[in-house]
């Protein structure tokens, strides 16, 4: 199983507390859907939503990103060099009680 890392605390906390999180990565991966292992969370389903084409393309997802404001999220995406990356939904599998 592939691993997925969350270095930004508010993003990982969103996944932990809500059971799901939207995240942007610089790579698209090879599969539309896959299972990943997230340290401290366990197995999660990962769904590729689509390519990010700018800040407007992520606005509707900010409530489940871990960030309070879309600008805050976009700045974090830019720091990781993922401005033209891919949006994913990561969902904690049932039975993960972390």
N, C-alpha and C. Protein backbone atom coordinates (compact mmCIF):
# COMPACT_ATOMS: atom_id res chain seq x y z
N UNK A 1 0.85 -1.18 0.00
CA UNK A 1 0.00 0.00 0.00
C UNK A 1 0.90 1.24 0.00
N UNK A 2 0.57 2.20 -0.85
CA UNK A 2 1.33 3.46 -0.89
C UNK A 2 1.06 4.28 0.35
N UNK A 3 2.01 5.12 0.70
CA UNK A 3 1.85 6.01 1.85
C UNK A 3 1.55 7.42 1.37
N UNK A 4 0.83 8.17 2.18
CA UNK A 4 0.53 9.56 1.90
C UNK A 4 0.86 10.34 3.16
N UNK A 5 1.65 11.39 3.00
CA UNK A 5 2.14 12.15 4.14
C UNK A 5 1.41 13.49 4.23
N UNK A 6 1.10 13.90 5.44
CA UNK A 6 0.49 15.21 5.70
C UNK A 6 1.40 15.97 6.64
N UNK A 7 2.14 16.95 6.11
CA UNK A 7 3.07 17.75 6.92
C UNK A 7 2.41 18.96 7.56
N UNK A 8 1.26 19.37 7.06
CA UNK A 8 0.56 20.54 7.59
C UNK A 8 -0.45 20.04 8.62
N UNK A 9 -0.25 20.44 9.87
CA UNK A 9 -1.05 19.92 10.99
C UNK A 9 -2.55 20.11 10.80
N UNK A 10 -2.99 21.28 10.35
CA UNK A 10 -4.43 21.53 10.23
C UNK A 10 -5.08 20.62 9.19
N UNK A 11 -4.32 20.21 8.19
CA UNK A 11 -4.85 19.31 7.15
C UNK A 11 -5.02 17.90 7.73
N UNK A 12 -3.99 17.42 8.40
CA UNK A 12 -4.06 16.10 9.02
C UNK A 12 -5.15 16.07 10.10
N UNK A 13 -5.27 17.15 10.87
CA UNK A 13 -6.30 17.23 11.90
C UNK A 13 -7.70 17.18 11.28
N UNK A 14 -7.87 17.79 10.12
CA UNK A 14 -9.16 17.76 9.43
C UNK A 14 -9.52 16.32 9.07
N UNK A 15 -8.55 15.59 8.55
CA UNK A 15 -8.78 14.18 8.21
C UNK A 15 -9.11 13.38 9.46
N UNK A 16 -8.36 13.60 10.51
CA UNK A 16 -8.55 12.87 11.77
C UNK A 16 -9.93 13.17 12.37
N UNK A 17 -10.31 14.45 12.40
CA UNK A 17 -11.55 14.86 13.07
C UNK A 17 -12.81 14.70 12.22
N UNK A 18 -12.69 14.84 10.90
CA UNK A 18 -13.86 14.79 10.02
C UNK A 18 -13.95 13.52 9.19
N UNK A 19 -12.88 12.74 9.21
CA UNK A 19 -12.89 11.50 8.45
C UNK A 19 -12.62 11.70 6.96
N UNK A 20 -12.37 12.95 6.56
CA UNK A 20 -12.10 13.27 5.17
C UNK A 20 -11.42 14.61 5.07
N UNK A 21 -10.66 14.78 3.98
CA UNK A 21 -9.99 16.05 3.75
C UNK A 21 -9.71 16.19 2.25
N UNK A 22 -9.79 17.41 1.76
CA UNK A 22 -9.36 17.72 0.40
C UNK A 22 -7.92 18.20 0.48
N UNK A 23 -7.09 17.73 -0.42
CA UNK A 23 -5.68 18.09 -0.44
C UNK A 23 -5.22 18.25 -1.88
N UNK A 24 -4.24 19.11 -2.09
CA UNK A 24 -3.68 19.32 -3.43
C UNK A 24 -2.25 18.81 -3.42
N UNK A 25 -1.92 18.04 -4.44
CA UNK A 25 -0.58 17.47 -4.59
C UNK A 25 -0.04 17.81 -5.97
N UNK A 26 1.27 17.86 -6.08
CA UNK A 26 1.89 18.22 -7.35
C UNK A 26 1.80 17.11 -8.39
N UNK A 27 1.54 15.89 -7.96
CA UNK A 27 1.47 14.74 -8.87
C UNK A 27 0.04 14.22 -8.92
N UNK A 28 -0.30 13.63 -10.04
CA UNK A 28 -1.66 13.12 -10.22
C UNK A 28 -1.85 11.67 -9.87
N UNK A 29 -0.75 10.95 -9.74
CA UNK A 29 -0.87 9.52 -9.45
C UNK A 29 -1.31 8.77 -10.69
N UNK A 30 -1.26 7.47 -10.63
CA UNK A 30 -1.59 6.67 -11.80
C UNK A 30 -3.03 6.18 -11.81
N UNK A 31 -3.71 6.23 -10.67
CA UNK A 31 -5.08 5.70 -10.60
C UNK A 31 -6.05 6.78 -10.11
N UNK A 32 -7.25 6.74 -10.62
CA UNK A 32 -8.31 7.65 -10.19
C UNK A 32 -8.64 7.44 -8.71
N UNK A 33 -8.62 6.16 -8.29
CA UNK A 33 -8.89 5.80 -6.90
C UNK A 33 -7.81 4.85 -6.43
N UNK A 34 -7.44 4.96 -5.15
CA UNK A 34 -6.48 4.03 -4.57
C UNK A 34 -6.62 4.04 -3.06
N UNK A 35 -5.93 3.12 -2.43
CA UNK A 35 -5.89 3.07 -0.96
C UNK A 35 -4.48 3.47 -0.55
N UNK A 36 -4.40 4.36 0.45
CA UNK A 36 -3.11 4.83 0.95
C UNK A 36 -3.07 4.67 2.46
N UNK A 37 -1.88 4.59 2.99
CA UNK A 37 -1.65 4.53 4.43
C UNK A 37 -1.20 5.91 4.89
N UNK A 38 -1.91 6.48 5.85
CA UNK A 38 -1.55 7.79 6.40
C UNK A 38 -1.08 7.57 7.84
N UNK A 39 0.14 8.00 8.13
CA UNK A 39 0.70 7.82 9.46
C UNK A 39 -0.19 8.47 10.51
N UNK A 40 -0.50 7.72 11.55
CA UNK A 40 -1.33 8.24 12.63
C UNK A 40 -2.82 8.17 12.35
N UNK A 41 -3.20 7.78 11.14
CA UNK A 41 -4.61 7.69 10.76
C UNK A 41 -4.96 6.25 10.37
N UNK A 42 -4.13 5.65 9.52
CA UNK A 42 -4.39 4.30 9.03
C UNK A 42 -4.74 4.32 7.56
N UNK A 43 -5.43 3.28 7.11
CA UNK A 43 -5.79 3.15 5.70
C UNK A 43 -6.87 4.16 5.32
N UNK A 44 -6.69 4.76 4.15
CA UNK A 44 -7.63 5.75 3.64
C UNK A 44 -7.85 5.51 2.15
N UNK A 45 -9.04 5.84 1.69
CA UNK A 45 -9.32 5.84 0.25
C UNK A 45 -8.93 7.20 -0.29
N UNK A 46 -8.26 7.22 -1.43
CA UNK A 46 -7.82 8.46 -2.06
C UNK A 46 -8.48 8.57 -3.44
N UNK A 47 -9.17 9.67 -3.69
CA UNK A 47 -9.88 9.90 -4.95
C UNK A 47 -9.31 11.14 -5.63
N UNK A 48 -8.88 11.00 -6.86
CA UNK A 48 -8.40 12.16 -7.61
C UNK A 48 -9.62 12.88 -8.19
N UNK A 49 -9.78 14.16 -7.81
CA UNK A 49 -10.91 14.95 -8.26
C UNK A 49 -10.61 15.60 -9.60
N UNK A 50 -9.42 16.17 -9.74
CA UNK A 50 -9.05 16.80 -11.01
C UNK A 50 -7.88 17.74 -10.86
N UNK A 51 -7.53 18.34 -11.96
CA UNK A 51 -6.40 19.27 -12.03
C UNK A 51 -6.79 20.61 -11.43
N UNK A 52 -5.88 21.24 -10.73
CA UNK A 52 -6.09 22.56 -10.16
C UNK A 52 -5.69 23.60 -11.20
N UNK A 53 -6.60 24.50 -11.49
CA UNK A 53 -6.33 25.51 -12.52
C UNK A 53 -6.24 26.91 -11.94
N UNK A 54 -6.14 27.02 -10.64
CA UNK A 54 -6.04 28.31 -9.97
C UNK A 54 -6.85 28.31 -8.69
N UNK A 55 -6.78 29.40 -7.98
CA UNK A 55 -7.43 29.49 -6.67
C UNK A 55 -8.95 29.29 -6.75
N UNK A 56 -9.56 29.74 -7.83
CA UNK A 56 -11.02 29.58 -8.00
C UNK A 56 -11.42 28.11 -8.04
N UNK A 57 -10.54 27.26 -8.55
CA UNK A 57 -10.89 25.85 -8.69
C UNK A 57 -10.92 25.09 -7.36
N UNK A 58 -10.42 25.69 -6.29
CA UNK A 58 -10.44 25.02 -4.99
C UNK A 58 -11.37 25.69 -3.97
N UNK A 59 -11.93 26.84 -4.32
CA UNK A 59 -12.77 27.59 -3.37
C UNK A 59 -13.87 26.76 -2.72
N UNK A 60 -14.55 25.98 -3.50
CA UNK A 60 -15.71 25.24 -2.97
C UNK A 60 -15.31 24.09 -2.04
N UNK A 61 -14.02 23.77 -1.97
CA UNK A 61 -13.54 22.65 -1.16
C UNK A 61 -12.88 23.10 0.15
N UNK A 62 -12.76 24.39 0.37
CA UNK A 62 -11.97 24.91 1.50
C UNK A 62 -12.50 24.45 2.86
N UNK A 63 -13.80 24.25 3.00
CA UNK A 63 -14.36 23.87 4.31
C UNK A 63 -13.83 22.53 4.81
N UNK A 64 -13.42 21.65 3.91
CA UNK A 64 -12.85 20.37 4.32
C UNK A 64 -11.40 20.25 3.89
N UNK A 65 -10.68 21.38 3.93
CA UNK A 65 -9.26 21.37 3.59
C UNK A 65 -8.38 21.46 4.84
N UNK A 66 -8.98 21.86 5.95
CA UNK A 66 -8.22 22.11 7.16
C UNK A 66 -7.89 23.58 7.34
N UNK A 67 -8.05 24.36 6.28
CA UNK A 67 -7.75 25.79 6.34
C UNK A 67 -9.04 26.58 6.52
N UNK A 68 -8.92 27.77 7.11
CA UNK A 68 -10.10 28.62 7.31
C UNK A 68 -10.47 29.39 6.06
N UNK A 69 -9.46 29.81 5.30
CA UNK A 69 -9.69 30.67 4.13
C UNK A 69 -8.98 30.10 2.92
N UNK A 70 -9.56 30.32 1.75
CA UNK A 70 -8.99 29.79 0.52
C UNK A 70 -7.61 30.40 0.24
N UNK A 71 -7.39 31.66 0.59
CA UNK A 71 -6.08 32.30 0.39
C UNK A 71 -5.00 31.61 1.22
N UNK A 72 -5.35 31.27 2.44
CA UNK A 72 -4.44 30.57 3.35
C UNK A 72 -4.05 29.20 2.75
N UNK A 73 -5.05 28.49 2.21
CA UNK A 73 -4.82 27.19 1.59
C UNK A 73 -3.96 27.34 0.34
N UNK A 74 -4.29 28.34 -0.50
CA UNK A 74 -3.56 28.56 -1.74
C UNK A 74 -2.08 28.88 -1.46
N UNK A 75 -1.82 29.66 -0.42
CA UNK A 75 -0.44 29.98 -0.05
C UNK A 75 0.33 28.73 0.36
N UNK A 76 -0.33 27.83 1.09
CA UNK A 76 0.32 26.56 1.46
C UNK A 76 0.58 25.71 0.22
N UNK A 77 -0.35 25.67 -0.68
CA UNK A 77 -0.18 24.92 -1.94
C UNK A 77 1.03 25.47 -2.70
N UNK A 78 1.14 26.78 -2.77
CA UNK A 78 2.26 27.42 -3.48
C UNK A 78 3.60 27.09 -2.81
N UNK A 79 3.63 27.06 -1.47
CA UNK A 79 4.86 26.72 -0.75
C UNK A 79 5.36 25.32 -1.11
N UNK A 80 4.42 24.42 -1.38
CA UNK A 80 4.78 23.05 -1.76
C UNK A 80 4.96 22.89 -3.26
N UNK A 81 4.79 23.97 -4.02
CA UNK A 81 4.98 23.93 -5.47
C UNK A 81 3.91 23.15 -6.21
N UNK A 82 2.70 23.16 -5.68
CA UNK A 82 1.62 22.36 -6.28
C UNK A 82 0.54 23.22 -6.94
N UNK A 83 0.86 24.46 -7.30
CA UNK A 83 -0.12 25.38 -7.89
C UNK A 83 -0.83 24.80 -9.11
N UNK A 84 -0.14 23.97 -9.86
CA UNK A 84 -0.75 23.36 -11.04
C UNK A 84 -0.90 21.86 -10.84
N UNK A 85 -1.14 21.48 -9.59
CA UNK A 85 -1.23 20.06 -9.23
C UNK A 85 -2.63 19.51 -9.36
N UNK A 86 -2.92 18.53 -8.51
CA UNK A 86 -4.19 17.80 -8.56
C UNK A 86 -4.88 17.84 -7.21
N UNK A 87 -6.20 17.96 -7.24
CA UNK A 87 -7.02 17.94 -6.05
C UNK A 87 -7.45 16.51 -5.77
N UNK A 88 -7.29 16.10 -4.50
CA UNK A 88 -7.69 14.77 -4.06
C UNK A 88 -8.63 14.88 -2.86
N UNK A 89 -9.51 13.90 -2.75
CA UNK A 89 -10.30 13.70 -1.54
C UNK A 89 -9.74 12.45 -0.87
N UNK A 90 -9.36 12.57 0.39
CA UNK A 90 -8.84 11.44 1.16
C UNK A 90 -9.86 11.14 2.26
N UNK A 91 -10.31 9.88 2.31
CA UNK A 91 -11.37 9.48 3.25
C UNK A 91 -10.85 8.34 4.13
N UNK A 92 -10.93 8.56 5.42
CA UNK A 92 -10.51 7.54 6.39
C UNK A 92 -11.42 6.33 6.27
N UNK A 93 -10.82 5.15 6.18
CA UNK A 93 -11.61 3.92 6.10
C UNK A 93 -12.30 3.64 7.43
N UNK A 94 -13.47 3.07 7.35
CA UNK A 94 -14.20 2.70 8.58
C UNK A 94 -13.36 1.77 9.42
N UNK A 95 -13.45 1.92 10.70
CA UNK A 95 -12.70 1.05 11.60
C UNK A 95 -11.39 1.67 12.06
N UNK A 96 -10.96 2.76 11.44
CA UNK A 96 -9.75 3.47 11.90
C UNK A 96 -10.16 4.36 13.06
N UNK A 97 -9.78 4.00 14.24
CA UNK A 97 -10.20 4.75 15.45
C UNK A 97 -9.04 5.51 16.04
N UNK A 98 -8.48 6.42 15.27
CA UNK A 98 -7.34 7.21 15.75
C UNK A 98 -7.82 8.54 16.24
